[in-house]
């Protein structure tokens, strides 16, 4: 397994297993957050991360708030990369 794939797997495990209750409380039962891509910029010394919130049972305007996803991703990055700045692109899926 490549290093990048392993890091994505670790981040998703933190978000979807360890923080599962928070994700389901915010986005509905059976919701998950997937990391689609992770790129490290050597020149900027930062990360660019693309993620997807896959909504569960509840799909309405109240769950279209990406603040929890941003927070959980920022929290999980610290365990792998330390204090690097992270630029996020998050989208929704049903």
PDB file of N, CA and C in Angstrom:
ATOM      1  N   UNK A   1       0.850  -1.181   0.000  1.00  0.00           N
ATOM      2  CA  UNK A   1       0.000   0.000   0.000  1.00  0.00           C
ATOM      3  C   UNK A   1       0.896   1.245   0.000  1.00  0.00           C
ATOM      4  N   UNK A   2       0.549   2.210  -0.816  1.00  0.00           N
ATOM      5  CA  UNK A   2       1.332   3.437  -0.898  1.00  0.00           C
ATOM      6  C   UNK A   2       1.154   4.265   0.368  1.00  0.00           C
ATOM      7  N   UNK A   3       2.139   5.106   0.625  1.00  0.00           N
ATOM      8  CA  UNK A   3       2.099   5.954   1.816  1.00  0.00           C
ATOM      9  C   UNK A   3       0.872   6.867   1.833  1.00  0.00           C
ATOM     10  N   UNK A   4       0.570   7.488   0.687  1.00  0.00           N
ATOM     11  CA  UNK A   4      -0.570   8.404   0.615  1.00  0.00           C
ATOM     12  C   UNK A   4      -1.879   7.672   0.905  1.00  0.00           C
ATOM     13  N   UNK A   5      -2.040   6.492   0.349  1.00  0.00           N
ATOM     14  CA  UNK A   5      -3.256   5.704   0.599  1.00  0.00           C
ATOM     15  C   UNK A   5      -3.366   5.322   2.066  1.00  0.00           C
ATOM     16  N   UNK A   6      -2.243   4.992   2.675  1.00  0.00           N
ATOM     17  CA  UNK A   6      -2.234   4.627   4.101  1.00  0.00           C
ATOM     18  C   UNK A   6      -2.598   5.825   4.970  1.00  0.00           C
ATOM     19  N   UNK A   7      -2.089   6.990   4.634  1.00  0.00           N
ATOM     20  CA  UNK A   7      -2.422   8.207   5.390  1.00  0.00           C
ATOM     21  C   UNK A   7      -3.902   8.524   5.250  1.00  0.00           C
ATOM     22  N   UNK A   8      -4.441   8.404   4.054  1.00  0.00           N
ATOM     23  CA  UNK A   8      -5.873   8.639   3.840  1.00  0.00           C
ATOM     24  C   UNK A   8      -6.686   7.644   4.663  1.00  0.00           C
ATOM     25  N   UNK A   9      -6.247   6.409   4.690  1.00  0.00           N
ATOM     26  CA  UNK A   9      -6.939   5.388   5.486  1.00  0.00           C
ATOM     27  C   UNK A   9      -6.908   5.728   6.972  1.00  0.00           C
ATOM     28  N   UNK A  10      -5.792   6.211   7.469  1.00  0.00           N
ATOM     29  CA  UNK A  10      -5.685   6.603   8.879  1.00  0.00           C
ATOM     30  C   UNK A  10      -6.614   7.773   9.183  1.00  0.00           C
ATOM     31  N   UNK A  11      -6.631   8.777   8.307  1.00  0.00           N
ATOM     32  CA  UNK A  11      -7.503   9.941   8.507  1.00  0.00           C
ATOM     33  C   UNK A  11      -8.976   9.536   8.511  1.00  0.00           C
ATOM     34  N   UNK A  12      -9.365   8.700   7.558  1.00  0.00           N
ATOM     35  CA  UNK A  12     -10.753   8.243   7.499  1.00  0.00           C
ATOM     36  C   UNK A  12     -11.121   7.402   8.719  1.00  0.00           C
ATOM     37  N   UNK A  13     -10.204   6.607   9.211  1.00  0.00           N
ATOM     38  CA  UNK A  13     -10.476   5.810  10.413  1.00  0.00           C
ATOM     39  C   UNK A  13     -10.728   6.732  11.607  1.00  0.00           C
ATOM     40  N   UNK A  14      -9.894   7.734  11.766  1.00  0.00           N
ATOM     41  CA  UNK A  14     -10.089   8.687  12.866  1.00  0.00           C
ATOM     42  C   UNK A  14     -11.459   9.350  12.771  1.00  0.00           C
ATOM     43  N   UNK A  15     -11.804   9.816  11.564  1.00  0.00           N
ATOM     44  CA  UNK A  15     -13.053  10.557  11.382  1.00  0.00           C
ATOM     45  C   UNK A  15     -14.270   9.651  11.489  1.00  0.00           C
ATOM     46  N   UNK A  16     -14.262   8.517  10.786  1.00  0.00           N
ATOM     47  CA  UNK A  16     -15.468   7.695  10.659  1.00  0.00           C
ATOM     48  C   UNK A  16     -15.624   6.608  11.711  1.00  0.00           C
ATOM     49  N   UNK A  17     -14.571   6.301  12.441  1.00  0.00           N
ATOM     50  CA  UNK A  17     -14.672   5.293  13.491  1.00  0.00           C
ATOM     51  C   UNK A  17     -14.586   5.944  14.868  1.00  0.00           C
ATOM     52  N   UNK A  18     -13.505   6.676  15.097  1.00  0.00           N
ATOM     53  CA  UNK A  18     -13.320   7.277  16.417  1.00  0.00           C
ATOM     54  C   UNK A  18     -14.283   8.443  16.680  1.00  0.00           C
ATOM     55  N   UNK A  19     -14.635   9.180  15.632  1.00  0.00           N
ATOM     56  CA  UNK A  19     -15.548  10.320  15.771  1.00  0.00           C
ATOM     57  C   UNK A  19     -16.904  10.053  15.107  1.00  0.00           C
ATOM     58  N   UNK A  20     -17.276   8.797  15.030  1.00  0.00           N
ATOM     59  CA  UNK A  20     -18.505   8.398  14.345  1.00  0.00           C
ATOM     60  C   UNK A  20     -19.752   9.071  14.932  1.00  0.00           C
ATOM     61  N   UNK A  21     -19.832   9.142  16.256  1.00  0.00           N
ATOM     62  CA  UNK A  21     -21.012   9.747  16.889  1.00  0.00           C
ATOM     63  C   UNK A  21     -21.193  11.198  16.466  1.00  0.00           C
ATOM     64  N   UNK A  22     -20.093  11.962  16.419  1.00  0.00           N
ATOM     65  CA  UNK A  22     -20.179  13.362  16.013  1.00  0.00           C
ATOM     66  C   UNK A  22     -20.623  13.495  14.557  1.00  0.00           C
ATOM     67  N   UNK A  23     -20.068  12.645  13.694  1.00  0.00           N
ATOM     68  CA  UNK A  23     -20.420  12.694  12.271  1.00  0.00           C
ATOM     69  C   UNK A  23     -21.894  12.370  12.083  1.00  0.00           C
ATOM     70  N   UNK A  24     -22.383  11.314  12.742  1.00  0.00           N
ATOM     71  CA  UNK A  24     -23.784  10.925  12.590  1.00  0.00           C
ATOM     72  C   UNK A  24     -24.730  11.936  13.239  1.00  0.00           C
ATOM     73  N   UNK A  25     -24.306  12.565  14.307  1.00  0.00           N
ATOM     74  CA  UNK A  25     -25.139  13.584  14.950  1.00  0.00           C
ATOM     75  C   UNK A  25     -25.304  14.796  14.034  1.00  0.00           C
ATOM     76  N   UNK A  26     -24.253  15.168  13.343  1.00  0.00           N
ATOM     77  CA  UNK A  26     -24.298  16.342  12.473  1.00  0.00           C
ATOM     78  C   UNK A  26     -24.943  16.054  11.124  1.00  0.00           C
ATOM     79  N   UNK A  27     -24.577  14.928  10.500  1.00  0.00           N
ATOM     80  CA  UNK A  27     -24.980  14.665   9.117  1.00  0.00           C
ATOM     81  C   UNK A  27     -26.008  13.545   8.958  1.00  0.00           C
ATOM     82  N   UNK A  28     -26.435  12.924  10.036  1.00  0.00           N
ATOM     83  CA  UNK A  28     -27.435  11.869   9.968  1.00  0.00           C
ATOM     84  C   UNK A  28     -26.816  10.488  10.098  1.00  0.00           C
ATOM     85  N   UNK A  29     -27.660   9.550  10.497  1.00  0.00           N
ATOM     86  CA  UNK A  29     -27.205   8.170  10.689  1.00  0.00           C
ATOM     87  C   UNK A  29     -26.643   7.609   9.383  1.00  0.00           C
ATOM     88  N   UNK A  30     -25.579   6.830   9.502  1.00  0.00           N
ATOM     89  CA  UNK A  30     -24.874   6.191   8.384  1.00  0.00           C
ATOM     90  C   UNK A  30     -24.116   7.175   7.491  1.00  0.00           C
ATOM     91  N   UNK A  31     -23.906   8.397   7.939  1.00  0.00           N
ATOM     92  CA  UNK A  31     -23.100   9.357   7.184  1.00  0.00           C
ATOM     93  C   UNK A  31     -21.622   9.061   7.403  1.00  0.00           C
ATOM     94  N   UNK A  32     -20.836   9.327   6.382  1.00  0.00           N
ATOM     95  CA  UNK A  32     -19.390   9.169   6.490  1.00  0.00           C
ATOM     96  C   UNK A  32     -18.702  10.304   5.743  1.00  0.00           C
ATOM     97  N   UNK A  33     -17.449  10.520   6.075  1.00  0.00           N
ATOM     98  CA  UNK A  33     -16.634  11.511   5.390  1.00  0.00           C
ATOM     99  C   UNK A  33     -15.481  10.763   4.728  1.00  0.00           C
ATOM    100  N   UNK A  34     -15.363  10.916   3.426  1.00  0.00           N
ATOM    101  CA  UNK A  34     -14.313  10.251   2.654  1.00  0.00           C
ATOM    102  C   UNK A  34     -13.264  11.279   2.230  1.00  0.00           C
ATOM    103  N   UNK A  35     -12.029  10.846   2.194  1.00  0.00           N
ATOM    104  CA  UNK A  35     -10.935  11.657   1.687  1.00  0.00           C
ATOM    105  C   UNK A  35     -10.665  11.187   0.265  1.00  0.00           C
ATOM    106  N   UNK A  36     -10.900  12.051  -0.715  1.00  0.00           N
ATOM    107  CA  UNK A  36     -10.710  11.669  -2.111  1.00  0.00           C
ATOM    108  C   UNK A  36      -9.265  11.824  -2.563  1.00  0.00           C
ATOM    109  N   UNK A  37      -8.610  12.880  -2.090  1.00  0.00           N
ATOM    110  CA  UNK A  37      -7.250  13.134  -2.539  1.00  0.00           C
ATOM    111  C   UNK A  37      -6.507  13.941  -1.480  1.00  0.00           C
ATOM    112  N   UNK A  38      -5.209  13.753  -1.435  1.00  0.00           N
ATOM    113  CA  UNK A  38      -4.351  14.452  -0.486  1.00  0.00           C
ATOM    114  C   UNK A  38      -3.051  14.780  -1.198  1.00  0.00           C
ATOM    115  N   UNK A  39      -2.739  16.062  -1.298  1.00  0.00           N
ATOM    116  CA  UNK A  39      -1.522  16.495  -1.981  1.00  0.00           C
ATOM    117  C   UNK A  39      -0.708  17.386  -1.058  1.00  0.00           C
ATOM    118  N   UNK A  40       0.597  17.168  -1.039  1.00  0.00           N
ATOM    119  CA  UNK A  40       1.508  17.982  -0.255  1.00  0.00           C
ATOM    120  C   UNK A  40       2.214  18.958  -1.175  1.00  0.00           C
ATOM    121  N   UNK A  41       2.187  20.245  -0.846  1.00  0.00           N
ATOM    122  CA  UNK A  41       2.874  21.262  -1.627  1.00  0.00           C
ATOM    123  C   UNK A  41       4.215  21.571  -0.974  1.00  0.00           C
ATOM    124  N   UNK A  42       5.271  21.246  -1.669  1.00  0.00           N
ATOM    125  CA  UNK A  42       6.615  21.485  -1.134  1.00  0.00           C
ATOM    126  C   UNK A  42       6.903  22.982  -1.069  1.00  0.00           C
ATOM    127  N   UNK A  43       6.488  23.723  -2.092  1.00  0.00           N
ATOM    128  CA  UNK A  43       6.781  25.157  -2.128  1.00  0.00           C
ATOM    129  C   UNK A  43       6.030  25.927  -1.036  1.00  0.00           C
ATOM    130  N   UNK A  44       4.775  25.577  -0.797  1.00  0.00           N
ATOM    131  CA  UNK A  44       3.981  26.272   0.224  1.00  0.00           C
ATOM    132  C   UNK A  44       4.071  25.616   1.593  1.00  0.00           C
ATOM    133  N   UNK A  45       4.651  24.423   1.647  1.00  0.00           N
ATOM    134  CA  UNK A  45       4.689  23.623   2.872  1.00  0.00           C
ATOM    135  C   UNK A  45       3.295  23.537   3.490  1.00  0.00           C
ATOM    136  N   UNK A  46       2.359  23.077   2.665  1.00  0.00           N
ATOM    137  CA  UNK A  46       0.978  22.928   3.108  1.00  0.00           C
ATOM    138  C   UNK A  46       0.356  21.713   2.430  1.00  0.00           C
ATOM    139  N   UNK A  47      -0.835  21.367   2.889  1.00  0.00           N
ATOM    140  CA  UNK A  47      -1.581  20.246   2.326  1.00  0.00           C
ATOM    141  C   UNK A  47      -2.823  20.748   1.614  1.00  0.00           C
ATOM    142  N   UNK A  48      -3.174  20.083   0.533  1.00  0.00           N
ATOM    143  CA  UNK A  48      -4.455  20.313  -0.124  1.00  0.00           C
ATOM    144  C   UNK A  48      -5.221  19.008  -0.045  1.00  0.00           C
ATOM    145  N   UNK A  49      -6.399  19.069   0.511  1.00  0.00           N
ATOM    146  CA  UNK A  49      -7.179  17.863   0.743  1.00  0.00           C
ATOM    147  C   UNK A  49      -8.551  18.009   0.115  1.00  0.00           C
ATOM    148  N   UNK A  50      -8.971  17.002  -0.642  1.00  0.00           N
ATOM    149  CA  UNK A  50     -10.312  16.949  -1.203  1.00  0.00           C
ATOM    150  C   UNK A  50     -11.096  15.883  -0.457  1.00  0.00           C
ATOM    151  N   UNK A  51     -12.262  16.260   0.030  1.00  0.00           N
ATOM    152  CA  UNK A  51     -13.086  15.325   0.784  1.00  0.00           C
ATOM    153  C   UNK A  51     -14.513  15.314   0.288  1.00  0.00           C
ATOM    154  N   UNK A  52     -15.241  14.320   0.739  1.00  0.00           N
ATOM    155  CA  UNK A  52     -16.647  14.184   0.359  1.00  0.00           C
ATOM    156  C   UNK A  52     -17.426  13.748   1.585  1.00  0.00           C
ATOM    157  N   UNK A  53     -18.502  14.460   1.869  1.00  0.00           N
ATOM    158  CA  UNK A  53     -19.416  14.077   2.940  1.00  0.00           C
ATOM    159  C   UNK A  53     -20.532  13.266   2.287  1.00  0.00           C
ATOM    160  N   UNK A  54     -20.607  12.004   2.641  1.00  0.00           N
ATOM    161  CA  UNK A  54     -21.664  11.141   2.107  1.00  0.00           C
ATOM    162  C   UNK A  54     -22.766  11.106   3.149  1.00  0.00           C
ATOM    163  N   UNK A  55     -23.870  11.755   2.809  1.00  0.00           N
ATOM    164  CA  UNK A  55     -24.971  11.917   3.744  1.00  0.00           C
ATOM    165  C   UNK A  55     -25.731  10.612   3.938  1.00  0.00           C
ATOM    166  N   UNK A  56     -26.227  10.423   5.140  1.00  0.00           N
ATOM    167  CA  UNK A  56     -26.957   9.211   5.486  1.00  0.00           C
ATOM    168  C   UNK A  56     -28.451   9.390   5.335  1.00  0.00           C
ATOM    169  N   UNK A  57     -29.172   9.102   6.411  1.00  0.00           N
ATOM    170  CA  UNK A  57     -30.633   9.081   6.384  1.00  0.00           C
ATOM    171  C   UNK A  57     -31.276  10.457   6.261  1.00  0.00           C
ATOM    172  N   UNK A  58     -30.650  11.474   6.831  1.00  0.00           N
ATOM    173  CA  UNK A  58     -31.239  12.814   6.835  1.00  0.00           C
ATOM    174  C   UNK A  58     -30.571  13.649   5.760  1.00  0.00           C
ATOM    175  N   UNK A  59     -31.375  14.109   4.809  1.00  0.00           N
ATOM    176  CA  UNK A  59     -30.835  14.979   3.770  1.00  0.00           C
ATOM    177  C   UNK A  59     -31.741  16.205   3.700  1.00  0.00           C
ATOM    178  N   UNK A  60     -31.278  17.291   4.293  1.00  0.00           N
ATOM    179  CA  UNK A  60     -31.983  18.567   4.222  1.00  0.00           C
ATOM    180  C   UNK A  60     -30.964  19.685   4.405  1.00  0.00           C
ATOM    181  N   UNK A  61     -31.429  20.921   4.372  1.00  0.00           N
ATOM    182  CA  UNK A  61     -30.518  22.055   4.439  1.00  0.00           C
ATOM    183  C   UNK A  61     -29.751  22.135   5.746  1.00  0.00           C
ATOM    184  N   UNK A  62     -30.319  21.622   6.822  1.00  0.00           N
ATOM    185  CA  UNK A  62     -29.650  21.732   8.116  1.00  0.00           C
ATOM    186  C   UNK A  62     -28.360  20.916   8.188  1.00  0.00           C
ATOM    187  N   UNK A  63     -28.226  19.882   7.383  1.00  0.00           N
ATOM    188  CA  UNK A  63     -27.006  19.070   7.417  1.00  0.00           C
ATOM    189  C   UNK A  63     -25.954  19.561   6.428  1.00  0.00           C
ATOM    190  N   UNK A  64     -26.281  20.560   5.636  1.00  0.00           N
ATOM    191  CA  UNK A  64     -25.332  21.076   4.657  1.00  0.00           C
ATOM    192  C   UNK A  64     -24.431  22.139   5.285  1.00  0.00           C
ATOM    193  N   UNK A  65     -23.799  21.763   6.352  1.00  0.00           N
ATOM    194  CA  UNK A  65     -22.862  22.621   7.073  1.00  0.00           C
ATOM    195  C   UNK A  65     -21.555  21.850   7.174  1.00  0.00           C
ATOM    196  N   UNK A  66     -20.538  22.328   6.514  1.00  0.00           N
ATOM    197  CA  UNK A  66     -19.291  21.579   6.460  1.00  0.00           C
ATOM    198  C   UNK A  66     -18.342  21.894   7.599  1.00  0.00           C
ATOM    199  N   UNK A  67     -18.777  22.666   8.573  1.00  0.00           N
ATOM    200  CA  UNK A  67     -17.883  23.072   9.659  1.00  0.00           C
ATOM    201  C   UNK A  67     -17.363  21.874  10.457  1.00  0.00           C
ATOM    202  N   UNK A  68     -18.206  20.869  10.719  1.00  0.00           N
ATOM    203  CA  UNK A  68     -17.741  19.695  11.455  1.00  0.00           C
ATOM    204  C   UNK A  68     -16.724  18.909  10.630  1.00  0.00           C
ATOM    205  N   UNK A  69     -16.983  18.746   9.352  1.00  0.00           N
ATOM    206  CA  UNK A  69     -16.041  18.029   8.488  1.00  0.00           C
ATOM    207  C   UNK A  69     -14.697  18.744   8.477  1.00  0.00           C
ATOM    208  N   UNK A  70     -14.707  20.066   8.349  1.00  0.00           N
ATOM    209  CA  UNK A  70     -13.460  20.830   8.382  1.00  0.00           C
ATOM    210  C   UNK A  70     -12.722  20.617   9.692  1.00  0.00           C
ATOM    211  N   UNK A  71     -13.450  20.695  10.787  1.00  0.00           N
ATOM    212  CA  UNK A  71     -12.849  20.543  12.114  1.00  0.00           C
ATOM    213  C   UNK A  71     -12.250  19.148  12.312  1.00  0.00           C
ATOM    214  N   UNK A  72     -12.991  18.116  11.949  1.00  0.00           N
ATOM    215  CA  UNK A  72     -12.491  16.748  12.115  1.00  0.00           C
ATOM    216  C   UNK A  72     -11.279  16.466  11.236  1.00  0.00           C
ATOM    217  N   UNK A  73     -11.283  16.992  10.033  1.00  0.00           N
ATOM    218  CA  UNK A  73     -10.138  16.790   9.143  1.00  0.00           C
ATOM    219  C   UNK A  73      -8.917  17.519   9.700  1.00  0.00           C
ATOM    220  N   UNK A  74      -9.108  18.750  10.156  1.00  0.00           N
ATOM    221  CA  UNK A  74      -7.995  19.495  10.754  1.00  0.00           C
ATOM    222  C   UNK A  74      -7.441  18.750  11.974  1.00  0.00           C
ATOM    223  N   UNK A  75      -8.346  18.220  12.802  1.00  0.00           N
ATOM    224  CA  UNK A  75      -7.916  17.457  13.989  1.00  0.00           C
ATOM    225  C   UNK A  75      -7.134  16.212  13.606  1.00  0.00           C
ATOM    226  N   UNK A  76      -7.575  15.507  12.573  1.00  0.00           N
ATOM    227  CA  UNK A  76      -6.909  14.266  12.194  1.00  0.00           C
ATOM    228  C   UNK A  76      -5.561  14.514  11.526  1.00  0.00           C
ATOM    229  N   UNK A  77      -5.418  15.594  10.793  1.00  0.00           N
ATOM    230  CA  UNK A  77      -4.158  15.920  10.115  1.00  0.00           C
ATOM    231  C   UNK A  77      -3.026  16.105  11.126  1.00  0.00           C
ATOM    232  N   UNK A  78      -3.342  16.670  12.282  1.00  0.00           N
ATOM    233  CA  UNK A  78      -2.328  16.928  13.311  1.00  0.00           C
ATOM    234  C   UNK A  78      -1.605  15.652  13.711  1.00  0.00           C
ATOM    235  N   UNK A  79      -2.303  14.527  13.740  1.00  0.00           N
ATOM    236  CA  UNK A  79      -1.693  13.260  14.146  1.00  0.00           C
ATOM    237  C   UNK A  79      -0.708  12.721  13.118  1.00  0.00           C
ATOM    238  N   UNK A  80      -0.849  13.134  11.871  1.00  0.00           N
ATOM    239  CA  UNK A  80       0.009  12.610  10.811  1.00  0.00           C
ATOM    240  C   UNK A  80       1.077  13.623  10.387  1.00  0.00           C
ATOM    241  N   UNK A  81       0.673  14.884  10.194  1.00  0.00           N
ATOM    242  CA  UNK A  81       1.583  15.888   9.650  1.00  0.00           C
ATOM    243  C   UNK A  81       1.972  16.994  10.629  1.00  0.00           C
ATOM    244  N   UNK A  82       1.459  16.997  11.813  1.00  0.00           N
ATOM    245  CA  UNK A  82       1.774  18.075  12.748  1.00  0.00           C
ATOM    246  C   UNK A  82       0.966  19.321  12.439  1.00  0.00           C
ATOM    247  N   UNK A  83       1.610  20.454  12.504  1.00  0.00           N
ATOM    248  CA  UNK A  83       0.913  21.736  12.372  1.00  0.00           C
ATOM    249  C   UNK A  83       0.994  22.351  10.980  1.00  0.00           C
ATOM    250  N   UNK A  84       0.868  21.571   9.935  1.00  0.00           N
ATOM    251  CA  UNK A  84       0.890  22.109   8.579  1.00  0.00           C
ATOM    252  C   UNK A  84      -0.427  22.808   8.262  1.00  0.00           C
ATOM    253  N   UNK A  85      -0.373  23.905   7.514  1.00  0.00           N
ATOM    254  CA  UNK A  85      -1.620  24.523   7.047  1.00  0.00           C
ATOM    255  C   UNK A  85      -2.324  23.590   6.049  1.00  0.00           C
ATOM    256  N   UNK A  86      -3.638  23.552   6.119  1.00  0.00           N
ATOM    257  CA  UNK A  86      -4.422  22.665   5.259  1.00  0.00           C
ATOM    258  C   UNK A  86      -5.464  23.479   4.511  1.00  0.00           C
ATOM    259  N   UNK A  87      -5.514  23.267   3.192  1.00  0.00           N
ATOM    260  CA  UNK A  87      -6.561  23.859   2.365  1.00  0.00           C
ATOM    261  C   UNK A  87      -7.527  22.739   2.020  1.00  0.00           C
ATOM    262  N   UNK A  88      -8.813  22.983   2.263  1.00  0.00           N
ATOM    263  CA  UNK A  88      -9.810  21.932   2.075  1.00  0.00           C
ATOM    264  C   UNK A  88     -10.782  22.261   0.957  1.00  0.00           C
ATOM    265  N   UNK A  89     -11.162  21.230   0.253  1.00  0.00           N
ATOM    266  CA  UNK A  89     -12.270  21.300  -0.694  1.00  0.00           C
ATOM    267  C   UNK A  89     -13.209  20.151  -0.338  1.00  0.00           C
ATOM    268  N   UNK A  90     -14.394  20.492   0.146  1.00  0.00           N
ATOM    269  CA  UNK A  90     -15.358  19.487   0.598  1.00  0.00           C
ATOM    270  C   UNK A  90     -16.609  19.581  -0.270  1.00  0.00           C
ATOM    271  N   UNK A  91     -17.122  18.429  -0.676  1.00  0.00           N
ATOM    272  CA  UNK A  91     -18.389  18.373  -1.414  1.00  0.00           C
ATOM    273  C   UNK A  91     -19.317  17.369  -0.750  1.00  0.00           C
ATOM    274  N   UNK A  92     -20.555  17.379  -1.183  1.00  0.00           N
ATOM    275  CA  UNK A  92     -21.574  16.493  -0.614  1.00  0.00           C
ATOM    276  C   UNK A  92     -21.997  15.435  -1.620  1.00  0.00           C
ATOM    277  N   UNK A  93     -22.434  14.299  -1.104  1.00  0.00           N
ATOM    278  CA  UNK A  93     -22.962  13.228  -1.918  1.00  0.00           C
ATOM    279  C   UNK A  93     -24.051  12.528  -1.119  1.00  0.00           C
ATOM    280  N   UNK A  94     -24.973  11.919  -1.791  1.00  0.00           N
ATOM    281  CA  UNK A  94     -26.075  11.213  -1.122  1.00  0.00           C
ATOM    282  C   UNK A  94     -25.928   9.720  -1.293  1.00  0.00           C
TER     283      UNK A  94
END
